[in-house]
C-alpha atoms as a PDB file:
ATOM      1  CA  MET A   1      57.735  91.541 164.806  1.00  0.00           C
ATOM      2  CA  ALA A   2      56.627  89.684 161.680  1.00  0.00           C
ATOM      3  CA  GLU A   3      53.659  87.354 161.921  1.00  0.00           C
ATOM      4  CA  PHE A   4      54.131  83.656 161.438  1.00  0.00           C
ATOM      5  CA  ASN A   5      54.313  82.621 157.803  1.00  0.00           C
ATOM      6  CA  ASP A   6      53.585  79.078 156.704  1.00  0.00           C
ATOM      7  CA  ASP A   7      56.112  79.492 153.892  1.00  0.00           C
ATOM      8  CA  LEU A   8      58.899  79.829 156.421  1.00  0.00           C
ATOM      9  CA  GLY A   9      60.548  76.893 158.153  1.00  0.00           C
ATOM     10  CA  GLN A  10      58.979  75.563 161.323  1.00  0.00           C
ATOM     11  CA  TYR A  11      61.269  74.393 164.107  1.00  0.00           C
ATOM     12  CA  LEU A  12      60.957  72.978 167.601  1.00  0.00           C
ATOM     13  CA  ILE A  13      62.867  74.675 170.400  1.00  0.00           C
ATOM     14  CA  SER A  14      65.712  72.133 170.416  1.00  0.00           C
ATOM     15  CA  THR A  15      66.563  73.019 166.813  1.00  0.00           C
ATOM     16  CA  VAL A  16      66.154  76.737 167.497  1.00  0.00           C
ATOM     17  CA  SER A  17      68.587  76.487 170.417  1.00  0.00           C
ATOM     18  CA  LYS A  18      71.241  74.746 168.300  1.00  0.00           C
ATOM     19  CA  ARG A  19      70.916  77.191 165.402  1.00  0.00           C
ATOM     20  CA  SER A  20      70.719  80.391 167.444  1.00  0.00           C
ATOM     21  CA  GLY A  21      73.238  79.522 170.154  1.00  0.00           C
ATOM     22  CA  VAL A  22      70.713  80.408 172.880  1.00  0.00           C
ATOM     23  CA  LYS A  23      69.930  77.699 175.437  1.00  0.00           C
ATOM     24  CA  SER A  24      66.365  76.393 175.375  1.00  0.00           C
ATOM     25  CA  ASP A  25      65.674  77.558 178.909  1.00  0.00           C
ATOM     26  CA  LEU A  26      66.915  81.033 178.038  1.00  0.00           C
ATOM     27  CA  VAL A  27      64.744  81.127 174.905  1.00  0.00           C
ATOM     28  CA  ARG A  28      61.712  80.379 177.089  1.00  0.00           C
ATOM     29  CA  ALA A  29      62.783  83.000 179.644  1.00  0.00           C
ATOM     30  CA  TRP A  30      63.223  85.683 176.969  1.00  0.00           C
ATOM     31  CA  GLU A  31      59.872  84.730 175.493  1.00  0.00           C
ATOM     32  CA  ARG A  32      58.056  84.674 178.830  1.00  0.00           C
ATOM     33  CA  ARG A  33      59.625  87.755 180.409  1.00  0.00           C
ATOM     34  CA  TYR A  34      60.270  90.023 177.440  1.00  0.00           C
ATOM     35  CA  GLN A  35      58.255  88.676 174.469  1.00  0.00           C
ATOM     36  CA  ALA A  36      61.470  88.572 172.447  1.00  0.00           C
ATOM     37  CA  VAL A  37      59.908  85.946 170.163  1.00  0.00           C
ATOM     38  CA  THR A  38      56.276  84.860 169.742  1.00  0.00           C
ATOM     39  CA  PRO A  39      56.142  81.231 168.600  1.00  0.00           C
ATOM     40  CA  THR A  40      52.978  79.452 167.574  1.00  0.00           C
ATOM     41  CA  ARG A  41      52.035  76.057 168.976  1.00  0.00           C
ATOM     42  CA  THR A  42      51.296  72.686 167.439  1.00  0.00           C
ATOM     43  CA  ALA A  43      48.068  70.829 168.151  1.00  0.00           C
ATOM     44  CA  GLY A  44      50.016  68.974 170.839  1.00  0.00           C
ATOM     45  CA  GLY A  45      51.031  72.226 172.523  1.00  0.00           C
ATOM     46  CA  HIS A  46      54.692  72.323 171.416  1.00  0.00           C
ATOM     47  CA  ARG A  47      56.250  75.691 170.621  1.00  0.00           C
ATOM     48  CA  VAL A  48      57.016  76.181 166.912  1.00  0.00           C
ATOM     49  CA  TYR A  49      59.455  78.827 165.723  1.00  0.00           C
ATOM     50  CA  ASN A  50      60.321  80.162 162.274  1.00  0.00           C
ATOM     51  CA  ASP A  51      63.455  81.400 160.526  1.00  0.00           C
ATOM     52  CA  GLN A  52      62.864  84.984 161.602  1.00  0.00           C
ATOM     53  CA  ASP A  53      62.665  83.877 165.224  1.00  0.00           C
ATOM     54  CA  ILE A  54      66.038  82.179 164.837  1.00  0.00           C
ATOM     55  CA  ALA A  55      67.488  85.294 163.197  1.00  0.00           C
ATOM     56  CA  ARG A  56      66.186  87.460 166.061  1.00  0.00           C
ATOM     57  CA  LEU A  57      67.601  85.135 168.694  1.00  0.00           C
ATOM     58  CA  LYS A  58      70.998  85.076 166.983  1.00  0.00           C
ATOM     59  CA  LEU A  59      71.135  88.874 166.971  1.00  0.00           C
ATOM     60  CA  LEU A  60      69.855  89.162 170.542  1.00  0.00           C
ATOM     61  CA  HIS A  61      72.434  86.606 171.651  1.00  0.00           C
ATOM     62  CA  LYS A  62      75.229  88.578 170.028  1.00  0.00           C
ATOM     63  CA  ALA A  63      73.983  91.879 171.438  1.00  0.00           C
ATOM     64  CA  THR A  64      73.651  90.556 174.998  1.00  0.00           C
ATOM     65  CA  THR A  65      77.096  88.990 174.710  1.00  0.00           C
ATOM     66  CA  ASN A  66      78.342  92.486 173.835  1.00  0.00           C
ATOM     67  CA  GLY A  67      76.865  93.798 177.067  1.00  0.00           C
ATOM     68  CA  HIS A  68      73.399  95.025 176.106  1.00  0.00           C
ATOM     69  CA  SER A  69      70.535  94.393 178.525  1.00  0.00           C
ATOM     70  CA  ILE A  70      67.924  92.000 177.139  1.00  0.00           C
ATOM     71  CA  SER A  71      65.175  94.036 178.824  1.00  0.00           C
ATOM     72  CA  LEU A  72      66.113  97.042 176.695  1.00  0.00           C
ATOM     73  CA  ILE A  73      66.539  95.371 173.294  1.00  0.00           C
ATOM     74  CA  ALA A  74      64.118  92.423 173.381  1.00  0.00           C
ATOM     75  CA  LEU A  75      61.507  94.210 171.256  1.00  0.00           C
ATOM     76  CA  PHE A  76      63.940  95.730 168.751  1.00  0.00           C
ATOM     77  CA  SER A  77      63.134  94.886 165.141  1.00  0.00           C
ATOM     78  CA  LEU A  78      65.554  92.812 163.096  1.00  0.00           C
ATOM     79  CA  SER A  79      66.623  95.982 161.313  1.00  0.00           C
ATOM     80  CA  ASP A  80      67.257  97.826 164.579  1.00  0.00           C
ATOM     81  CA  LEU A  81      69.262  94.922 165.985  1.00  0.00           C
ATOM     82  CA  LYS A  82      71.409  94.748 162.849  1.00  0.00           C
ATOM     83  CA  THR A  83      71.966  98.507 163.007  1.00  0.00           C
ATOM     84  CA  LEU A  84      72.921  98.297 166.670  1.00  0.00           C
ATOM     85  CA  LEU A  85      75.504  95.592 166.022  1.00  0.00           C
ATOM     86  CA  LYS A  86      76.815  97.287 162.868  1.00  0.00           C
ATOM     87  CA  GLU A  87      77.366 100.562 164.710  1.00  0.00           C
ATOM     88  CA  GLU A  88      79.386  98.731 167.329  1.00  0.00           C
ATOM     89  CA  CYS A  89      81.570  97.186 164.630  1.00  0.00           C
ATOM     90  CA  ASP A  90      82.042 100.543 162.876  1.00  0.00           C
ATOM     91  CA  THR A  91      82.876 102.606 165.930  1.00  0.00           C
ATOM     92  CA  SER A  92      86.122 102.765 167.863  1.00  0.00           C
ATOM     93  CA  PRO A  93      86.415 101.208 171.321  1.00  0.00           C
ATOM     94  CA  THR A  94      84.080 102.695 173.919  1.00  0.00           C
ATOM     95  CA  PRO A  95      85.518 105.864 175.514  1.00  0.00           C
ATOM     96  CA  LEU A  96      86.527 105.393 179.116  1.00  0.00           C
ATOM     97  CA  PRO A  97      83.785 107.608 180.644  1.00  0.00           C
ATOM     98  CA  GLN A  98      81.057 105.660 178.812  1.00  0.00           C
ATOM     99  CA  ALA A  99      82.632 102.339 179.780  1.00  0.00           C
ATOM    100  CA  LEU A 100      82.745 103.404 183.400  1.00  0.00           C
ATOM    101  CA  ASN A 101      79.124 104.517 183.187  1.00  0.00           C
ATOM    102  CA  SER A 102      78.160 101.102 181.816  1.00  0.00           C
ATOM    103  CA  LYS A 103      79.927  99.406 184.734  1.00  0.00           C
ATOM    104  CA  ARG A 104      78.114 101.684 187.174  1.00  0.00           C
ATOM    105  CA  ASN A 105      74.779 100.786 185.599  1.00  0.00           C
ATOM    106  CA  GLN A 106      75.516  97.071 185.848  1.00  0.00           C
ATOM    107  CA  SER A 107      76.680  97.505 189.431  1.00  0.00           C
ATOM    108  CA  HIS A 108      73.434  99.302 190.257  1.00  0.00           C
ATOM    109  CA  ILE A 109      71.371  96.529 188.643  1.00  0.00           C
ATOM    110  CA  THR A 110      73.343  93.886 190.555  1.00  0.00           C
ATOM    111  CA  GLU A 111      72.938  95.638 193.900  1.00  0.00           C
ATOM    112  CA  ASP A 112      69.212  95.999 193.267  1.00  0.00           C
ATOM    113  CA  TYR A 113      68.912  92.259 192.608  1.00  0.00           C
ATOM    114  CA  ILE A 114      70.901  91.426 195.755  1.00  0.00           C
ATOM    115  CA  GLU A 115      68.460  93.467 197.829  1.00  0.00           C
ATOM    116  CA  LYS A 116      65.414  91.869 196.189  1.00  0.00           C
ATOM    117  CA  CYS A 117      66.826  88.348 196.491  1.00  0.00           C
ATOM    118  CA  TYR A 118      67.756  88.820 200.134  1.00  0.00           C
ATOM    119  CA  ALA A 119      64.259  90.141 200.880  1.00  0.00           C
ATOM    120  CA  ALA A 120      62.815  87.004 199.237  1.00  0.00           C
ATOM    121  CA  VAL A 121      65.069  84.803 201.390  1.00  0.00           C
ATOM    122  CA  LEU A 122      64.059  86.736 204.503  1.00  0.00           C
ATOM    123  CA  ALA A 123      60.382  86.253 203.584  1.00  0.00           C
ATOM    124  CA  PHE A 124      61.080  82.558 202.933  1.00  0.00           C
ATOM    125  CA  ASP A 125      59.528  82.930 199.478  1.00  0.00           C
ATOM    126  CA  ALA A 126      61.252  80.334 197.277  1.00  0.00           C
ATOM    127  CA  LYS A 127      59.107  81.079 194.222  1.00  0.00           C
ATOM    128  CA  LEU A 128      59.886  84.801 194.341  1.00  0.00           C
ATOM    129  CA  LEU A 129      63.586  84.078 194.859  1.00  0.00           C
ATOM    130  CA  GLU A 130      63.577  81.784 191.828  1.00  0.00           C
ATOM    131  CA  THR A 131      61.899  84.488 189.725  1.00  0.00           C
ATOM    132  CA  HIS A 132      64.480  87.085 190.768  1.00  0.00           C
ATOM    133  CA  PHE A 133      67.292  84.637 189.980  1.00  0.00           C
ATOM    134  CA  GLU A 134      65.873  83.821 186.523  1.00  0.00           C
ATOM    135  CA  ASN A 135      65.528  87.500 185.666  1.00  0.00           C
ATOM    136  CA  ALA A 136      69.028  88.267 186.941  1.00  0.00           C
ATOM    137  CA  ILE A 137      70.603  85.486 184.885  1.00  0.00           C
ATOM    138  CA  VAL A 138      68.954  86.863 181.751  1.00  0.00           C
ATOM    139  CA  GLU A 139      69.805  90.455 182.635  1.00  0.00           C
ATOM    140  CA  LEU A 140      73.397  90.001 183.787  1.00  0.00           C
ATOM    141  CA  GLY A 141      74.672  86.808 182.165  1.00  0.00           C
ATOM    142  CA  THR A 142      75.812  83.701 183.979  1.00  0.00           C
ATOM    143  CA  GLU A 143      79.322  84.671 185.039  1.00  0.00           C
ATOM    144  CA  THR A 144      78.328  88.112 186.340  1.00  0.00           C
ATOM    145  CA  PHE A 145      75.342  86.532 188.101  1.00  0.00           C
ATOM    146  CA  ILE A 146      77.572  84.024 189.913  1.00  0.00           C
ATOM    147  CA  GLU A 147      80.444  86.339 190.703  1.00  0.00           C
ATOM    148  CA  HIS A 148      78.763  89.651 191.518  1.00  0.00           C
ATOM    149  CA  LEU A 149      75.264  88.686 192.660  1.00  0.00           C
ATOM    150  CA  LEU A 150      75.205  85.140 193.954  1.00  0.00           C
ATOM    151  CA  THR A 151      78.517  85.171 195.830  1.00  0.00           C
ATOM    152  CA  PRO A 152      77.801  88.411 197.771  1.00  0.00           C
ATOM    153  CA  LEU A 153      74.243  87.229 198.433  1.00  0.00           C
ATOM    154  CA  LEU A 154      75.426  83.927 199.889  1.00  0.00           C
ATOM    155  CA  SER A 155      77.959  85.782 202.053  1.00  0.00           C
ATOM    156  CA  GLN A 156      75.197  88.061 203.300  1.00  0.00           C
ATOM    157  CA  ILE A 157      72.964  85.061 204.049  1.00  0.00           C
ATOM    158  CA  GLY A 158      75.793  83.340 205.936  1.00  0.00           C
ATOM    159  CA  LYS A 159      76.538  86.484 207.963  1.00  0.00           C
ATOM    160  CA  SER A 160      72.853  86.981 208.806  1.00  0.00           C
ATOM    161  CA  TRP A 161      72.622  83.346 209.868  1.00  0.00           C
ATOM    162  CA  THR A 162      75.529  83.697 212.320  1.00  0.00           C
ATOM    163  CA  GLU A 163      73.981  86.926 213.680  1.00  0.00           C
ATOM    164  CA  GLY A 164      70.614  85.252 214.219  1.00  0.00           C
ATOM    165  CA  GLU A 165      68.611  87.187 211.627  1.00  0.00           C
ATOM    166  CA  LEU A 166      68.166  84.075 209.487  1.00  0.00           C
ATOM    167  CA  ARG A 167      67.820  80.438 210.420  1.00  0.00           C
ATOM    168  CA  PRO A 168      69.676  77.506 208.789  1.00  0.00           C
ATOM    169  CA  VAL A 169      66.490  76.656 206.929  1.00  0.00           C
ATOM    170  CA  HIS A 170      66.696  79.986 205.055  1.00  0.00           C
ATOM    171  CA  GLU A 171      70.149  79.065 203.754  1.00  0.00           C
ATOM    172  CA  HIS A 172      68.955  75.581 202.803  1.00  0.00           C
ATOM    173  CA  MET A 173      65.997  77.034 200.889  1.00  0.00           C
ATOM    174  CA  ALA A 174      68.206  79.464 198.961  1.00  0.00           C
ATOM    175  CA  SER A 175      70.711  76.714 198.153  1.00  0.00           C
ATOM    176  CA  SER A 176      67.905  74.463 196.906  1.00  0.00           C
ATOM    177  CA  VAL A 177      66.631  77.180 194.568  1.00  0.00           C
ATOM    178  CA  ILE A 178      70.139  77.814 193.214  1.00  0.00           C
ATOM    179  CA  ARG A 179      70.671  74.089 192.693  1.00  0.00           C
ATOM    180  CA  SER A 180      67.431  73.874 190.706  1.00  0.00           C
ATOM    181  CA  LEU A 181      68.693  76.549 188.300  1.00  0.00           C
ATOM    182  CA  THR A 182      71.996  74.910 187.389  1.00  0.00           C
ATOM    183  CA  TYR A 183      70.508  73.673 184.108  1.00  0.00           C
ATOM    184  CA  ILE A 184      70.248  77.341 183.052  1.00  0.00           C
ATOM    185  CA  LEU A 185      73.646  78.311 184.427  1.00  0.00           C
ATOM    186  CA  ARG A 186      75.613  75.547 182.728  1.00  0.00           C
ATOM    187  CA  ASN A 187      77.569  76.418 179.595  1.00  0.00           C
ATOM    188  CA  ASN A 188      75.554  75.146 176.610  1.00  0.00           C
ATOM    189  CA  SER A 189      78.513  75.087 174.217  1.00  0.00           C
ATOM    190  CA  PRO A 190      80.305  71.730 174.109  1.00  0.00           C
ATOM    191  CA  SER A 191      84.002  71.804 174.949  1.00  0.00           C
ATOM    192  CA  PRO A 192      86.413  70.954 172.125  1.00  0.00           C
ATOM    193  CA  ALA A 193      87.843  67.443 172.183  1.00  0.00           C
ATOM    194  CA  ASN A 194      91.292  68.759 173.126  1.00  0.00           C
ATOM    195  CA  ALA A 195      90.026  70.937 176.000  1.00  0.00           C
ATOM    196  CA  PRO A 196      91.862  70.473 179.308  1.00  0.00           C
ATOM    197  CA  ARG A 197      89.977  68.216 181.717  1.00  0.00           C
ATOM    198  CA  MET A 198      89.061  68.807 185.328  1.00  0.00           C
ATOM    199  CA  VAL A 199      87.312  66.958 188.155  1.00  0.00           C
ATOM    200  CA  VAL A 200      85.352  69.025 190.699  1.00  0.00           C
ATOM    201  CA  THR A 201      84.035  67.771 194.050  1.00  0.00           C
ATOM    202  CA  THR A 202      84.336  68.154 197.839  1.00  0.00           C
ATOM    203  CA  PRO A 203      86.376  65.843 200.087  1.00  0.00           C
ATOM    204  CA  MET A 204      84.940  63.560 202.754  1.00  0.00           C
ATOM    205  CA  GLY A 205      83.350  65.512 205.565  1.00  0.00           C
ATOM    206  CA  GLN A 206      82.478  68.501 203.373  1.00  0.00           C
ATOM    207  CA  LEU A 207      78.753  68.077 202.761  1.00  0.00           C
ATOM    208  CA  HIS A 208      77.892  71.401 201.101  1.00  0.00           C
ATOM    209  CA  GLU A 209      78.323  71.192 197.335  1.00  0.00           C
ATOM    210  CA  LEU A 210      77.137  74.613 196.155  1.00  0.00           C
ATOM    211  CA  GLY A 211      80.628  76.119 195.987  1.00  0.00           C
ATOM    212  CA  ALA A 212      81.920  73.151 194.017  1.00  0.00           C
ATOM    213  CA  MET A 213      78.957  73.341 191.659  1.00  0.00           C
ATOM    214  CA  LEU A 214      79.562  77.026 190.914  1.00  0.00           C
ATOM    215  CA  ALA A 215      83.293  76.407 190.442  1.00  0.00           C
ATOM    216  CA  ALA A 216      82.470  73.693 187.898  1.00  0.00           C
ATOM    217  CA  ILE A 217      80.257  76.105 185.957  1.00  0.00           C
ATOM    218  CA  MET A 218      82.926  78.823 185.949  1.00  0.00           C
ATOM    219  CA  ALA A 219      85.540  76.315 184.769  1.00  0.00           C
ATOM    220  CA  GLU A 220      83.266  75.313 181.879  1.00  0.00           C
ATOM    221  CA  PHE A 221      82.995  78.959 180.838  1.00  0.00           C
ATOM    222  CA  SER A 222      86.801  79.095 180.891  1.00  0.00           C
ATOM    223  CA  GLY A 223      86.907  76.345 178.267  1.00  0.00           C
ATOM    224  CA  TRP A 224      87.560  73.328 180.484  1.00  0.00           C
ATOM    225  CA  GLN A 225      85.880  69.950 180.129  1.00  0.00           C
ATOM    226  CA  VAL A 226      84.501  69.348 183.623  1.00  0.00           C
ATOM    227  CA  THR A 227      83.449  66.165 185.388  1.00  0.00           C
ATOM    228  CA  TYR A 228      81.389  67.104 188.442  1.00  0.00           C
ATOM    229  CA  LEU A 229      81.116  64.476 191.180  1.00  0.00           C
ATOM    230  CA  GLY A 230      78.974  66.118 193.852  1.00  0.00           C
ATOM    231  CA  ALA A 231      80.016  66.221 197.514  1.00  0.00           C
ATOM    232  CA  ASP A 232      81.599  64.219 200.333  1.00  0.00           C
ATOM    233  CA  LEU A 233      83.812  61.717 198.533  1.00  0.00           C
ATOM    234  CA  PRO A 234      86.783  59.794 200.005  1.00  0.00           C
ATOM    235  CA  ALA A 235      90.231  60.514 198.587  1.00  0.00           C
ATOM    236  CA  GLU A 236      90.494  57.129 196.846  1.00  0.00           C
ATOM    237  CA  GLU A 237      87.274  57.655 194.860  1.00  0.00           C
ATOM    238  CA  ILE A 238      88.260  61.171 193.813  1.00  0.00           C
ATOM    239  CA  ALA A 239      91.681  59.946 192.690  1.00  0.00           C
ATOM    240  CA  ILE A 240      90.100  57.165 190.642  1.00  0.00           C
ATOM    241  CA  ALA A 241      87.855  59.700 188.895  1.00  0.00           C
ATOM    242  CA  VAL A 242      90.891  61.864 188.102  1.00  0.00           C
ATOM    243  CA  LYS A 243      92.574  58.816 186.579  1.00  0.00           C
ATOM    244  CA  TYR A 244      89.493  57.724 184.609  1.00  0.00           C
ATOM    245  CA  VAL A 245      89.083  61.095 182.853  1.00  0.00           C
ATOM    246  CA  ASP A 246      92.850  61.768 182.645  1.00  0.00           C
ATOM    247  CA  ALA A 247      92.281  65.128 184.335  1.00  0.00           C
ATOM    248  CA  GLN A 248      94.914  67.837 184.345  1.00  0.00           C
ATOM    249  CA  ALA A 249      93.361  69.514 187.391  1.00  0.00           C
ATOM    250  CA  LEU A 250      91.263  68.693 190.439  1.00  0.00           C
ATOM    251  CA  THR A 251      89.239  71.437 192.122  1.00  0.00           C
ATOM    252  CA  LEU A 252      87.870  71.051 195.646  1.00  0.00           C
ATOM    253  CA  SER A 253      85.499  73.292 197.579  1.00  0.00           C
ATOM    254  CA  LEU A 254      85.830  73.613 201.359  1.00  0.00           C
ATOM    255  CA  SER A 255      82.824  75.292 202.938  1.00  0.00           C
ATOM    256  CA  PHE A 256      82.989  74.047 206.528  1.00  0.00           C
ATOM    257  CA  ALA A 257      85.827  74.757 208.961  1.00  0.00           C
ATOM    258  CA  SER A 258      86.509  71.719 211.118  1.00  0.00           C
ATOM    259  CA  ASP A 259      89.226  70.786 213.589  1.00  0.00           C
ATOM    260  CA  ASP A 260      88.542  67.045 213.592  1.00  0.00           C
ATOM    261  CA  HIS A 261      91.516  66.440 211.231  1.00  0.00           C
ATOM    262  CA  LEU A 262      89.400  64.434 208.753  1.00  0.00           C
ATOM    263  CA  VAL A 263      89.873  67.013 206.008  1.00  0.00           C
ATOM    264  CA  HIS A 264      93.605  67.259 206.782  1.00  0.00           C
ATOM    265  CA  LYS A 265      93.932  63.502 206.458  1.00  0.00           C
ATOM    266  CA  GLU A 266      91.891  63.349 203.246  1.00  0.00           C
ATOM    267  CA  LEU A 267      93.762  66.187 201.554  1.00  0.00           C
ATOM    268  CA  ARG A 268      97.148  64.669 202.361  1.00  0.00           C
ATOM    269  CA  ARG A 269      95.970  61.295 201.088  1.00  0.00           C
ATOM    270  CA  LEU A 270      94.506  62.811 197.944  1.00  0.00           C
ATOM    271  CA  LYS A 271      97.634  64.795 197.108  1.00  0.00           C
ATOM    272  CA  LYS A 272      99.704  61.619 197.434  1.00  0.00           C
ATOM    273  CA  LEU A 273      97.322  59.639 195.219  1.00  0.00           C
ATOM    274  CA  ILE A 274      97.091  62.134 192.323  1.00  0.00           C
ATOM    275  CA  GLY A 275     100.771  63.122 192.412  1.00  0.00           C
ATOM    276  CA  ASN A 276     102.365  66.323 191.213  1.00  0.00           C
ATOM    277  CA  ASP A 277     101.289  66.047 187.569  1.00  0.00           C
ATOM    278  CA  VAL A 278      97.683  66.972 188.431  1.00  0.00           C
ATOM    279  CA  ALA A 279      97.080  70.505 189.695  1.00  0.00           C
ATOM    280  CA  LEU A 280      95.171  70.479 192.983  1.00  0.00           C
ATOM    281  CA  ILE A 281      93.046  73.630 193.340  1.00  0.00           C
ATOM    282  CA  VAL A 282      91.126  74.487 196.509  1.00  0.00           C
ATOM    283  CA  GLY A 283      88.634  77.269 197.207  1.00  0.00           C
ATOM    284  CA  GLY A 284      85.559  77.958 199.271  1.00  0.00           C
ATOM    285  CA  ARG A 285      84.678  80.060 202.278  1.00  0.00           C
ATOM    286  CA  ALA A 286      86.507  77.731 204.698  1.00  0.00           C
ATOM    287  CA  ALA A 287      89.713  77.368 202.666  1.00  0.00           C
ATOM    288  CA  TRP A 288      91.442  79.930 204.901  1.00  0.00           C
ATOM    289  CA  HIS A 289      90.982  77.593 207.867  1.00  0.00           C
ATOM    290  CA  PHE A 290      93.208  74.988 206.196  1.00  0.00           C
ATOM    291  CA  GLN A 291      95.711  77.438 204.688  1.00  0.00           C
ATOM    292  CA  GLY A 292      98.696  76.061 206.596  1.00  0.00           C
ATOM    293  CA  LEU A 293      98.103  72.559 205.287  1.00  0.00           C
ATOM    294  CA  LEU A 294      97.304  73.773 201.765  1.00  0.00           C
ATOM    295  CA  SER A 295     100.596  75.665 201.576  1.00  0.00           C
ATOM    296  CA  GLU A 296     102.504  72.701 202.984  1.00  0.00           C
ATOM    297  CA  ILE A 297     101.279  70.184 200.391  1.00  0.00           C
ATOM    298  CA  GLY A 298     101.492  72.548 197.418  1.00  0.00           C
ATOM    299  CA  VAL A 299      97.847  73.322 196.748  1.00  0.00           C
ATOM    300  CA  LEU A 300      96.772  76.194 194.470  1.00  0.00           C
ATOM    301  CA  THR A 301      94.370  78.280 196.563  1.00  0.00           C
ATOM    302  CA  ILE A 302      91.601  80.310 194.896  1.00  0.00           C
ATOM    303  CA  HIS A 303      91.134  83.848 196.214  1.00  0.00           C
ATOM    304  CA  SER A 304      88.342  84.962 193.868  1.00  0.00           C
ATOM    305  CA  TYR A 305      86.587  83.943 190.671  1.00  0.00           C
ATOM    306  CA  GLN A 306      88.856  86.274 188.719  1.00  0.00           C
ATOM    307  CA  HIS A 307      91.863  84.580 190.276  1.00  0.00           C
ATOM    308  CA  PHE A 308      90.313  81.190 189.408  1.00  0.00           C
ATOM    309  CA  ARG A 309      89.912  82.226 185.747  1.00  0.00           C
ATOM    310  CA  GLU A 310      93.507  83.466 185.564  1.00  0.00           C
ATOM    311  CA  LEU A 311      94.747  80.265 187.156  1.00  0.00           C
ATOM    312  CA  LEU A 312      92.790  78.101 184.716  1.00  0.00           C
ATOM    313  CA  LYS A 313      94.122  80.115 181.789  1.00  0.00           C
ATOM    314  CA  GLU A 314      97.706  79.575 182.971  1.00  0.00           C
ATOM    315  CA  LEU A 315      97.162  75.850 183.494  1.00  0.00           C
ATOM    316  CA  ALA A 316      95.515  75.453 180.086  1.00  0.00           C
ATOM    317  CA  GLN A 317      98.383  77.293 178.387  1.00  0.00           C
ATOM    318  CA  SER A 318     100.917  75.205 180.248  1.00  0.00           C
ATOM    319  CA  GLN A 319      99.140  72.046 179.141  1.00  0.00           C
ATOM    320  CA  LYS A 320      99.053  73.268 175.546  1.00  0.00           C
ATOM    321  CA  ASN A 321     102.759  74.083 175.559  1.00  0.00           C
ATOM    322  CA  SER A 322     103.648  70.642 176.906  1.00  0.00           C
ATOM    323  CA  CYS A 323     101.801  68.839 174.094  1.00  0.00           C
END
């Protein structure tokens, strides 16, 4: 990597992030974990980057978007990165055996992270869990991290809790660590002004917000402009938020199965308040418990993140066609 040159431009990390397309937190992670760039520092201790750093980050961003592991290409020279990307443009689509092999490799990496993260939860080591999460986000990308690592991990934690291997405090610790990383997980690219709009929350009586938070992030990656409200809101407040942002969809997460009829009452009330012009989408690990009601009032139920993405694509296209 070239040494810093005073003749080149000098930029703070906020500018580097905008010009390279790599979020500031990810720039720091790539720098700290893989030495992908080596900025100098001002007298005040601020990182200072140059034009070559920005060029490297742009190429690394493109390569990781194409599926390359940052751990394998972080130290590539600019020339090697350009060659790598050029070869991909010049070659035909990846043959099926190689594509399958790539999926197997990613699956192996994901399973390895699940094991390490679960061991950190079991040891009640929040710092280690956070480190594993940060590395996995860099290695796998946000959507793969949420769908193929985080979701199975949370299911495993929940199962172990019911079987007595873990205590509720283990689940709370893991949730707290995940919540602290949302600034890295969020989509850094602003939605276009004409993007479809969505409100995401949980209804009254549903206190766990992690599922709603992850759904909001996935919706952002699907091109939606999301207003996230947190958890445990009454139907009237949710409906007002939908009206304020002129949302085309409302997504709710149900994580706790209850027979006290509060959720039934709130969902019926909410559906009446928002009407049929706003799509009501419901997911979460307890959604099955309310399936009879959800079918009765015409709710779109999420079965998986892939199903959620397909549903959002259909709704966005429908909205576009109606304009």
